[in-house]
Every structure is written in structure tokens, then in C-alpha cells.
Amino acid sequence: MEAEIITIGDELLIGQVVDTNSAWLAEQLNLLGIKVHQITTISDSHEEIIKTLTEVSRHADIILLTGGLGPTKDDVTKLALCEFFDTYLVFNQDAYENVERLFRQRGFLMTEINRQQASIPAACTPIPNPEGTAPGMWFEKDGKIFISMPGVPFEMKSIFINQIAPKLAKVNNTLYILHKTILTHGVGESFLAQTIEAWEDNLPSNIKLAYLPQPGVVRLRLSAVGNNKSLLENQLNEEQVKLLHIIPDLVFGFDNDSMESVVGQLLRMSGKTLSTAESCTGGYIAHLITSIPGSSFYFKGSVVAYSNEVKVSQLNVARQAIIDNGAVSEVVVRQMAEGVRKNLQTDYSIAVTGVAGPDGGSEEKPVGTTWIAVATSEKVVSHRFHFGEHRDRNIRRAALAALNMLRQELK
């Protein structure tokens, strides 16, 4: 079965709000074995909704809509659905009682405009929305399924997971689409593709590989399609094992892992502690580390030594080392790592200094030049990197490279 996702709202088209609903829905539909044919974003226009529904119903089996179900005049989805399904609005007592309950709980007074939320197309099966005032709606026409949901993400997700997904699973019970994502760091997409070319060429015909690059990481997503879920799981596991034999040093995690979560798990398992000293990354490494729940068990703190004065006073970097070698140098980054580890009394430390850009580069040290060091009580490991000319990407790539260096030491 194929699905179409339609997100409705002028705020999406002008960039005021980022559409996260369609990406989330596409993932959920794939888990149900339903292939997403297309994702479309349209304006809050009665005519545009009718036109889009007419077009997509020609090829999609399941059409999901989000947005345009609010109580204000710019929310026109219900009226457009009435015209498309040749029906009319009727008052739904259950929906009204839900709206009344929500207003009572929140201490607000009901108004006539809110009462209108309980009016829904007569041709639909209402889908209760315990999280909000706009119920979802399930239509069936000419063998097609149409589902309209609120645009508020947490309301939409609640309705879909608890009520819509179980119904769709019963409708589509013959096909499975399973995914396995292998996370790599250290090489670019083209080099990686060349390295694993023979493996990729010999994948089973029902398994497809997609390269999903982003700054510092290339995700390899395997997608398997078939009627036997257990067989698909075994196939994906076998291919994953084969790939790990080819690029063992490049793989750092799987599926929903992140570099910071993998490093955090290693630190917690080993009972070791960490500190960071950051110059060009400005605290971004510490931010990644502390984004993981439970990071207080292993992360003690960070010194953001953006100026040379702070490097000297807080990290015990020798002033002469900066004068002789510059702040972006191996000597300085190693002293930063040793200084923060000793001052914060941790088992491991990370230090980073570099030229993030867009200014500050030289012929000897162009923008993107970055030194990273990882220190323990026994040694300091340091490497020089050249990340490029884009400031934000340089900061992101430097942070991931630093965490990966620590991961390799922890392993």
C-alpha cells in the first residue's frame, strides 16, 4: 500500500514553522509496512485542499492530512473535506464533552467558537483527541482511506500512535518494511562508497542501501522489504555483521545512537569521568555531552577558553607556548587537555583549539584548521584536522571528531 502525507498551513510555506509532522509520520508508516509515495505542503486554502485531495487520491491508497482543524476562520480543512466527500457538518456530543473537559481542566470559559470544534463532517468516523479540542477524522471513499489530524505535533502523535496506527496495521497486514542504520565517522561519502562497493553490489535484491551524509557523519540505511518479518530481521543482521568486518574502525553506532550517547555509555560502563577545554567550539562539546540524560554521572565540567588569557590562567597553558606556536597548535592543545584534566580531577579530558572561520585563517593555518587532544593520566593523544571553510560545520565536525577520539581511547 502507498500513502500520501499532506501538511496544511501558510505558516509552513513561509518558513515561520518547520514541518516536523510529515517526517515523523513517514517513519511511523514505514514501520507499518506502508510506503510513502509523496509528501506535500499546501496553504490554508479551500480550493487548494480540494485540488490536492483529488490529485493524490488517484495514486495513493492512504492519505493523511495534518493541520487546519482549529477554531479560527483560517482553519478551513473541515469545510473542504465536507465538499470533497459531499457531506455536511454535524454536532458530535462526545467531541463537545471532550472540549468542555479540557476547558474546565485549564480553567478557561467555553465560547461559541470553541463549541464549533465539536462539529465534524457527517461522513467521517471521529477519532477522539484527549490532548486537544480538534478531533481527528477517518474517511473511506472508493477503496481509499483519508485521515485528517490536528497540526499540533503532540496531539497528532498521540492520535496516530494510540488510535490510527492499530487500525492501519489491520488494513495492511501483508508487507513489512524494516530498516537498520549503521553510523560511521571519519571518512566522506564517496570514499565510504568506494570502500564498501563490493558488499553493496552483493546485497540481496530485497535490500536497498541509502547514504545519508551530514557534517561529520555518514549514515548507511539498509531497508528490507518482504512478507516475513523474522526473515527480514535476520537478513539485516547478517548484512550488518558483514559490513562491520569491512569498516570496523569507522562504525560508532546504530539506528538512533549519537556519538555523544555512545561515548556517554562507554564512560558510564567504565566508571570514568570527563572534562573538556574548548576554544573554537565554544562549549558545543559540553552541550552535546550534557544533552544525554545521566551525563552528570561522568561529566564534571568544561572550561571555555576562548581567549589566550583564559588558556593561561585557567588551564595552565604556558604563555611562551602561545607566543612561539600560536593558540592553534599541538603544543597548546595538549597543555589545554592536561590542564583541564588536572584542574577538574577527571580520568579523561578533551581539548579543542582551531580556526572556525570565516575570518582568522592564514596560509599556514587556513580556516578549518583544528587541533584536538584527548588526555588521560598516562598519555595525551593529539591530531590535526582540516574541516573546511564553513563556521557552523567546522564546529560540529570538530566536536564529533573530538568525541570520536575519546571513544577510540575508551574502547
Protein backbone atom coordinates (compact mmCIF):
# COMPACT_ATOMS: atom_id res chain seq x y z
CA MET A 1 0.00 0.00 0.00
CA GLU A 2 1.14 3.54 -0.72
CA ALA A 3 0.47 6.64 1.33
CA GLU A 4 0.47 10.37 0.73
CA ILE A 5 1.10 12.90 3.51
CA ILE A 6 -0.40 16.38 3.18
CA THR A 7 0.54 19.11 5.66
CA ILE A 8 -1.66 22.21 5.62
CA GLY A 9 -0.70 25.70 6.76
CA ASP A 10 0.51 29.02 5.42
CA GLU A 11 2.97 29.15 8.33
CA LEU A 12 4.77 26.12 6.86
CA LEU A 13 5.07 27.68 3.41
CA ILE A 14 6.55 30.97 4.63
CA GLY A 15 9.07 29.20 6.87
CA GLN A 16 7.59 30.50 10.12
CA VAL A 17 7.07 26.95 11.38
CA VAL A 18 9.17 23.92 10.45
CA ASP A 19 7.14 20.89 9.36
CA THR A 20 8.15 18.02 11.65
CA ASN A 21 4.85 16.16 11.31
CA SER A 22 5.49 14.69 7.87
CA ALA A 23 8.92 13.29 8.74
CA TRP A 24 7.55 11.65 11.88
CA LEU A 25 4.52 10.25 10.07
CA ALA A 26 6.66 8.88 7.24
CA GLU A 27 8.78 6.99 9.75
CA GLN A 28 5.71 5.57 11.50
CA LEU A 29 4.11 4.50 8.23
CA ASN A 30 7.29 2.72 7.17
CA LEU A 31 7.24 0.78 10.42
CA LEU A 32 3.75 -0.37 9.47
CA GLY A 33 4.96 -1.52 6.05
CA ILE A 34 3.25 1.36 4.26
CA LYS A 35 5.37 3.11 1.63
CA VAL A 36 5.14 6.89 1.47
CA HIS A 37 4.77 7.96 -2.16
CA GLN A 38 4.90 11.72 -1.67
CA ILE A 39 4.80 14.50 0.94
CA THR A 40 3.03 17.72 0.02
CA THR A 41 2.68 21.02 1.88
CA ILE A 42 -0.18 23.32 0.87
CA SER A 43 -1.71 26.59 2.04
CA ASP A 44 -4.82 27.12 4.16
CA SER A 45 -6.92 27.36 1.02
CA HIS A 46 -10.26 25.66 0.49
CA GLU A 47 -9.59 25.28 -3.23
CA GLU A 48 -6.03 24.02 -2.74
CA ILE A 49 -7.18 21.31 -0.32
CA ILE A 50 -9.86 20.07 -2.75
CA LYS A 51 -7.43 20.13 -5.66
CA THR A 52 -4.70 18.24 -3.76
CA LEU A 53 -7.08 15.60 -2.41
CA THR A 54 -8.38 14.97 -5.93
CA GLU A 55 -4.87 14.58 -7.33
CA VAL A 56 -3.37 12.34 -4.67
CA SER A 57 -6.39 10.03 -4.43
CA ARG A 58 -5.61 8.88 -7.98
CA HIS A 59 -2.48 7.01 -6.89
CA ALA A 60 -2.38 6.76 -3.08
CA ASP A 61 -4.23 4.17 -1.02
CA ILE A 62 -3.97 6.10 2.25
CA ILE A 63 -4.00 9.89 2.50
CA LEU A 64 -3.06 11.56 5.78
CA LEU A 65 -3.64 15.26 6.42
CA THR A 66 -2.42 17.40 9.32
CA GLY A 67 -3.43 20.96 10.11
CA GLY A 68 -6.28 23.38 9.57
CA LEU A 69 -8.62 21.96 12.24
CA GLY A 70 -8.53 24.88 14.68
CA PRO A 71 -11.47 27.11 15.65
CA THR A 72 -10.46 30.26 13.74
CA LYS A 73 -11.52 31.43 10.28
CA ASP A 74 -8.21 30.48 8.66
CA ASP A 75 -8.79 26.82 9.59
CA VAL A 76 -10.73 25.59 6.55
CA THR A 77 -9.88 21.88 6.40
CA LYS A 78 -13.22 20.60 7.77
CA LEU A 79 -15.29 22.59 5.29
CA ALA A 80 -13.07 21.50 2.41
CA LEU A 81 -13.46 17.87 3.50
CA CYS A 82 -17.23 18.33 3.57
CA GLU A 83 -17.18 19.45 -0.05
CA PHE A 84 -14.78 16.70 -1.15
CA PHE A 85 -16.87 13.97 0.46
CA ASP A 86 -20.19 15.62 -0.43
CA THR A 87 -21.30 15.81 3.19
CA TYR A 88 -22.09 18.38 5.90
CA LEU A 89 -21.10 19.25 9.45
CA VAL A 90 -22.96 17.67 12.36
CA PHE A 91 -22.66 18.27 16.08
CA ASN A 92 -20.83 15.45 17.90
CA GLN A 93 -21.67 15.17 21.59
CA ASP A 94 -18.57 13.16 22.51
CA ALA A 95 -16.32 15.71 20.86
CA TYR A 96 -18.14 18.53 22.66
CA GLU A 97 -17.73 16.85 26.05
CA ASN A 98 -14.00 16.48 25.37
CA VAL A 99 -13.69 20.21 24.55
CA GLU A 100 -15.67 21.08 27.67
CA ARG A 101 -13.47 18.82 29.81
CA LEU A 102 -10.26 20.42 28.51
CA PHE A 103 -11.53 23.96 29.12
CA ARG A 104 -12.69 23.04 32.62
CA GLN A 105 -9.31 21.47 33.46
CA ARG A 106 -7.46 24.53 32.19
CA GLY A 107 -9.73 26.99 33.98
CA PHE A 108 -10.99 28.66 30.78
CA LEU A 109 -14.52 29.64 29.79
CA MET A 110 -16.11 27.94 26.78
CA THR A 111 -17.06 30.22 23.89
CA GLU A 112 -19.19 29.60 20.81
CA ILE A 113 -16.13 29.45 18.61
CA ASN A 114 -14.76 26.61 20.75
CA ARG A 115 -18.11 24.82 20.66
CA GLN A 116 -17.74 24.68 16.87
CA GLN A 117 -14.77 22.33 17.37
CA ALA A 118 -17.37 19.63 18.11
CA SER A 119 -18.90 19.97 14.61
CA ILE A 120 -17.46 17.35 12.26
CA PRO A 121 -18.31 16.00 8.78
CA ALA A 122 -21.19 13.51 8.92
CA ALA A 123 -19.38 11.11 6.56
CA CYS A 124 -16.38 10.56 8.85
CA THR A 125 -15.65 8.31 11.78
CA PRO A 126 -14.47 10.67 14.53
CA ILE A 127 -11.14 9.98 16.22
CA PRO A 128 -11.08 11.24 19.83
CA ASN A 129 -8.32 13.69 20.72
CA PRO A 130 -7.75 13.62 24.51
CA GLU A 131 -4.85 16.08 24.16
CA GLY A 132 -6.70 18.83 22.28
CA THR A 133 -10.02 20.24 21.15
CA ALA A 134 -9.98 19.16 17.48
CA PRO A 135 -10.92 15.52 16.90
CA GLY A 136 -9.33 13.54 14.12
CA MET A 137 -11.44 12.18 11.25
CA TRP A 138 -11.36 8.89 9.31
CA PHE A 139 -12.99 8.77 5.86
CA GLU A 140 -13.26 5.99 3.30
CA LYS A 141 -14.10 6.59 -0.35
CA ASP A 142 -13.65 4.46 -3.48
CA GLY A 143 -11.44 2.00 -1.59
CA LYS A 144 -9.18 4.80 -0.29
CA ILE A 145 -8.59 5.84 3.33
CA PHE A 146 -8.42 9.53 4.23
CA ILE A 147 -7.29 10.55 7.73
CA SER A 148 -7.35 14.14 8.96
CA MET A 149 -5.45 15.04 12.14
CA PRO A 150 -4.62 18.21 14.10
CA GLY A 151 -1.42 20.00 13.13
CA VAL A 152 -0.20 20.39 16.72
CA PRO A 153 2.59 17.76 16.86
CA PHE A 154 1.93 16.27 20.30
CA GLU A 155 -1.80 16.00 19.58
CA MET A 156 -1.19 14.41 16.17
CA LYS A 157 1.32 11.91 17.57
CA SER A 158 -0.99 10.86 20.37
CA ILE A 159 -3.90 10.25 17.98
CA PHE A 160 -1.75 8.37 15.49
CA ILE A 161 0.03 6.07 17.94
CA ASN A 162 -2.96 5.19 20.09
CA GLN A 163 -5.77 5.04 17.56
CA ILE A 164 -4.76 5.31 13.91
CA ALA A 165 -1.70 3.05 13.76
CA PRO A 166 -3.55 -0.01 15.16
CA LYS A 167 -6.28 0.40 12.54
CA LEU A 168 -3.78 0.82 9.69
CA ALA A 169 -1.86 -2.24 10.86
CA LYS A 170 -5.02 -4.31 10.37
CA VAL A 171 -5.59 -2.83 6.91
CA ASN A 172 -2.01 -3.50 5.78
CA ASN A 173 -1.07 -6.87 7.25
CA THR A 174 0.87 -8.45 4.39
CA LEU A 175 4.05 -6.39 3.96
CA TYR A 176 6.91 -5.34 6.22
CA ILE A 177 9.49 -2.61 5.65
CA LEU A 178 12.38 -2.84 8.13
CA HIS A 179 15.34 -0.51 8.47
CA LYS A 180 18.79 -0.81 10.01
CA THR A 181 21.03 2.25 10.17
CA ILE A 182 24.81 1.99 10.61
CA LEU A 183 26.50 5.20 11.77
CA THR A 184 30.00 5.98 10.51
CA HIS A 185 32.55 8.70 11.22
CA GLY A 186 35.94 9.57 9.79
CA VAL A 187 35.54 9.47 6.01
CA GLY A 188 33.36 11.13 3.41
CA GLU A 189 30.50 9.60 1.46
CA SER A 190 32.44 8.95 -1.76
CA PHE A 191 35.38 7.25 -0.03
CA LEU A 192 32.99 5.15 2.02
CA ALA A 193 31.04 4.11 -1.09
CA GLN A 194 34.25 3.01 -2.79
CA THR A 195 35.35 1.03 0.28
CA ILE A 196 32.10 -0.95 0.60
CA GLU A 197 31.28 -1.18 -3.11
CA ALA A 198 31.67 -4.97 -3.38
CA TRP A 199 29.47 -5.55 -0.32
CA GLU A 200 26.83 -3.17 -1.65
CA ASP A 201 26.79 -4.85 -5.07
CA ASN A 202 26.09 -8.22 -3.42
CA LEU A 203 23.17 -7.15 -1.21
CA PRO A 204 20.03 -9.32 -1.55
CA SER A 205 17.59 -7.95 -4.14
CA ASN A 206 15.03 -7.03 -1.45
CA ILE A 207 17.51 -4.88 0.50
CA LYS A 208 18.39 -1.35 -0.58
CA LEU A 209 21.20 0.88 0.73
CA ALA A 210 20.94 4.65 1.15
CA TYR A 211 23.80 7.03 2.00
CA LEU A 212 22.69 9.81 4.37
CA PRO A 213 25.60 12.23 4.90
CA GLN A 214 25.71 15.12 7.34
CA PRO A 215 28.63 17.09 8.79
CA GLY A 216 30.97 14.59 10.42
CA VAL A 217 28.74 11.55 9.98
CA VAL A 218 27.57 9.29 7.15
CA ARG A 219 24.57 7.13 7.98
CA LEU A 220 24.15 3.93 6.00
CA ARG A 221 20.48 2.91 5.99
CA LEU A 222 19.56 -0.62 4.97
CA SER A 223 15.89 -1.08 4.04
CA ALA A 224 14.46 -4.58 3.65
CA VAL A 225 11.03 -5.33 2.18
CA GLY A 226 9.16 -8.62 2.44
CA ASN A 227 6.33 -10.67 3.91
CA ASN A 228 8.34 -12.49 6.60
CA LYS A 229 9.39 -10.15 9.38
CA SER A 230 11.69 -12.65 11.09
CA LEU A 231 13.49 -13.39 7.82
CA LEU A 232 13.99 -9.67 7.16
CA GLU A 233 15.44 -9.13 10.62
CA ASN A 234 17.90 -11.97 10.08
CA GLN A 235 18.90 -10.62 6.67
CA LEU A 236 19.60 -7.16 8.08
CA ASN A 237 21.61 -8.55 10.97
CA GLU A 238 23.71 -10.68 8.59
CA GLU A 239 24.48 -7.71 6.33
CA GLN A 240 25.37 -5.58 9.34
CA VAL A 241 27.88 -8.17 10.52
CA LYS A 242 29.44 -8.33 7.04
CA LEU A 243 29.78 -4.55 6.95
CA LEU A 244 31.39 -4.41 10.39
CA HIS A 245 34.11 -6.75 9.14
CA ILE A 246 34.88 -4.33 6.28
CA ILE A 247 34.87 -0.99 8.16
CA PRO A 248 35.18 -1.82 11.88
CA ASP A 249 37.03 1.38 12.76
CA LEU A 250 34.53 3.66 11.04
CA VAL A 251 31.33 2.43 12.71
CA PHE A 252 30.44 4.09 16.02
CA GLY A 253 26.77 3.23 16.46
CA PHE A 254 23.46 2.07 15.07
CA ASP A 255 19.94 3.35 14.44
CA ASN A 256 19.13 6.14 16.95
CA ASP A 257 22.57 6.27 18.56
CA SER A 258 24.55 9.51 18.58
CA MET A 259 28.26 10.00 19.12
CA GLU A 260 27.59 11.66 22.47
CA SER A 261 25.29 8.84 23.65
CA VAL A 262 27.81 6.16 22.65
CA VAL A 263 30.66 7.97 24.45
CA GLY A 264 28.43 8.52 27.47
CA GLN A 265 27.59 4.83 27.66
CA LEU A 266 31.27 3.88 27.48
CA LEU A 267 32.16 6.34 30.24
CA ARG A 268 29.35 5.15 32.47
CA MET A 269 30.17 1.48 31.94
CA SER A 270 33.83 2.08 32.79
CA GLY A 271 33.09 4.35 35.74
CA LYS A 272 35.37 7.05 34.31
CA THR A 273 34.93 10.83 34.40
CA LEU A 274 35.41 13.51 31.74
CA SER A 275 36.16 17.21 31.43
CA THR A 276 36.55 19.45 28.39
CA ALA A 277 38.56 22.52 27.42
CA GLU A 278 37.11 24.29 24.39
CA SER A 279 38.28 27.22 22.35
CA CYS A 280 36.89 27.26 18.79
CA THR A 281 33.89 25.04 19.68
CA GLY A 282 32.78 27.49 22.37
CA GLY A 283 31.18 24.93 24.68
CA TYR A 284 29.44 22.89 21.97
CA ILE A 285 31.14 19.65 23.05
CA ALA A 286 29.94 20.17 26.61
CA HIS A 287 26.46 20.86 25.25
CA LEU A 288 26.42 17.56 23.33
CA ILE A 289 27.67 15.63 26.35
CA THR A 290 25.11 17.13 28.73
CA SER A 291 22.25 16.59 26.27
CA ILE A 292 22.36 12.92 27.32
CA PRO A 293 20.31 12.05 30.43
CA GLY A 294 22.54 10.83 33.22
CA SER A 295 25.64 12.65 31.98
CA SER A 296 26.19 14.04 35.50
CA PHE A 297 27.50 10.59 36.44
CA TYR A 298 30.59 11.05 34.28
CA PHE A 299 30.89 14.70 33.16
CA LYS A 300 32.42 17.11 35.67
CA GLY A 301 32.58 20.33 33.68
CA SER A 302 34.17 22.45 30.99
CA VAL A 303 36.39 25.48 30.58
CA VAL A 304 35.53 27.58 27.52
CA ALA A 305 38.92 29.17 26.98
CA TYR A 306 38.13 31.42 24.06
CA SER A 307 40.88 33.93 24.86
CA ASN A 308 44.57 33.29 25.36
CA GLU A 309 44.33 34.85 28.83
CA VAL A 310 41.87 32.17 29.94
CA LYS A 311 44.02 29.44 28.45
CA VAL A 312 46.92 30.67 30.57
CA SER A 313 45.07 31.49 33.80
CA GLN A 314 42.55 28.64 33.92
CA LEU A 315 44.25 25.82 32.01
CA ASN A 316 47.89 26.45 32.91
CA VAL A 317 48.95 26.81 29.28
CA ALA A 318 52.43 28.32 29.11
CA ARG A 319 52.26 31.85 27.74
CA GLN A 320 55.51 31.25 25.85
CA ALA A 321 53.93 28.22 24.14
CA ILE A 322 51.26 30.50 22.67
CA ILE A 323 53.83 33.11 21.64
CA ASP A 324 56.07 30.55 19.96
CA ASN A 325 53.45 28.32 18.34
CA GLY A 326 50.18 30.25 18.27
CA ALA A 327 46.95 29.31 20.06
CA VAL A 328 46.06 26.86 17.29
CA SER A 329 48.90 24.39 17.74
CA GLU A 330 49.67 20.93 19.03
CA VAL A 331 51.67 22.23 21.97
CA VAL A 332 48.80 24.42 23.18
CA VAL A 333 46.03 21.88 22.73
CA ARG A 334 47.99 19.24 24.65
CA GLN A 335 48.57 21.66 27.50
CA MET A 336 44.87 22.58 27.47
CA ALA A 337 43.91 18.92 27.78
CA GLU A 338 46.36 18.27 30.60
CA GLY A 339 45.37 21.47 32.39
CA VAL A 340 41.63 20.86 32.46
CA ARG A 341 42.03 17.20 33.42
CA LYS A 342 44.22 18.09 36.40
CA ASN A 343 42.18 21.12 37.49
CA LEU A 344 38.84 19.28 37.36
CA GLN A 345 40.38 15.98 38.51
CA THR A 346 38.92 13.70 35.84
CA ASP A 347 40.05 10.45 34.29
CA TYR A 348 39.77 11.78 30.73
CA SER A 349 39.74 15.21 29.11
CA ILE A 350 39.14 16.64 25.66
CA ALA A 351 40.67 19.86 24.36
CA VAL A 352 40.00 21.68 21.09
CA THR A 353 41.55 24.77 19.53
CA GLY A 354 41.15 25.90 15.94
CA VAL A 355 40.19 28.46 13.34
CA ALA A 356 36.41 28.13 12.99
CA GLY A 357 36.11 30.99 10.49
CA PRO A 358 35.06 32.73 8.44
CA ASP A 359 37.95 35.03 9.45
CA GLY A 360 41.24 34.42 11.23
CA GLY A 361 42.88 31.98 8.83
CA SER A 362 46.36 32.25 7.40
CA GLU A 363 48.41 30.49 4.75
CA GLU A 364 49.93 28.25 7.40
CA LYS A 365 46.66 27.75 9.32
CA PRO A 366 43.69 28.23 6.96
CA VAL A 367 40.10 28.37 8.19
CA GLY A 368 39.08 24.93 9.39
CA THR A 369 42.48 24.06 10.88
CA THR A 370 41.78 22.38 14.21
CA TRP A 371 43.89 20.66 16.84
CA ILE A 372 42.21 18.14 19.15
CA ALA A 373 43.72 16.32 22.13
CA VAL A 374 42.48 13.63 24.50
CA ALA A 375 44.33 13.24 27.80
CA THR A 376 44.47 10.53 30.43
CA SER A 377 46.69 10.18 33.48
CA GLU A 378 49.12 8.19 31.33
CA LYS A 379 49.22 9.92 27.96
CA VAL A 380 47.97 12.67 25.64
CA VAL A 381 46.83 11.87 22.09
CA SER A 382 46.57 14.75 19.62
CA HIS A 383 45.61 15.15 15.95
CA ARG A 384 45.40 17.95 13.44
CA PHE A 385 42.29 18.26 11.23
CA HIS A 386 41.26 20.41 8.26
CA PHE A 387 37.48 20.76 8.28
CA GLY A 388 36.74 23.42 5.65
CA GLU A 389 35.53 26.99 5.41
CA HIS A 390 32.01 26.91 6.90
CA ARG A 391 31.97 28.01 10.55
CA ASP A 392 28.94 26.05 11.82
CA ARG A 393 30.04 22.86 10.07
CA ASN A 394 33.57 23.29 11.43
CA ILE A 395 32.27 23.50 14.99
CA ARG A 396 30.02 20.47 14.52
CA ARG A 397 32.71 18.37 12.84
CA ALA A 398 35.31 19.34 15.45
CA ALA A 399 33.01 18.31 18.27
CA LEU A 400 32.24 14.94 16.69
CA ALA A 401 35.90 14.30 15.89
CA ALA A 402 36.85 15.08 19.50
CA LEU A 403 34.20 12.73 20.89
CA ASN A 404 35.25 10.04 18.44
CA MET A 405 38.87 10.33 19.56
CA LEU A 406 37.69 9.82 23.12
CA ARG A 407 35.54 6.87 22.04
CA GLN A 408 38.55 5.19 20.47
CA GLU A 409 40.57 5.68 23.65
CA LEU A 410 37.73 4.31 25.79
CA LYS A 411 37.49 1.21 23.61
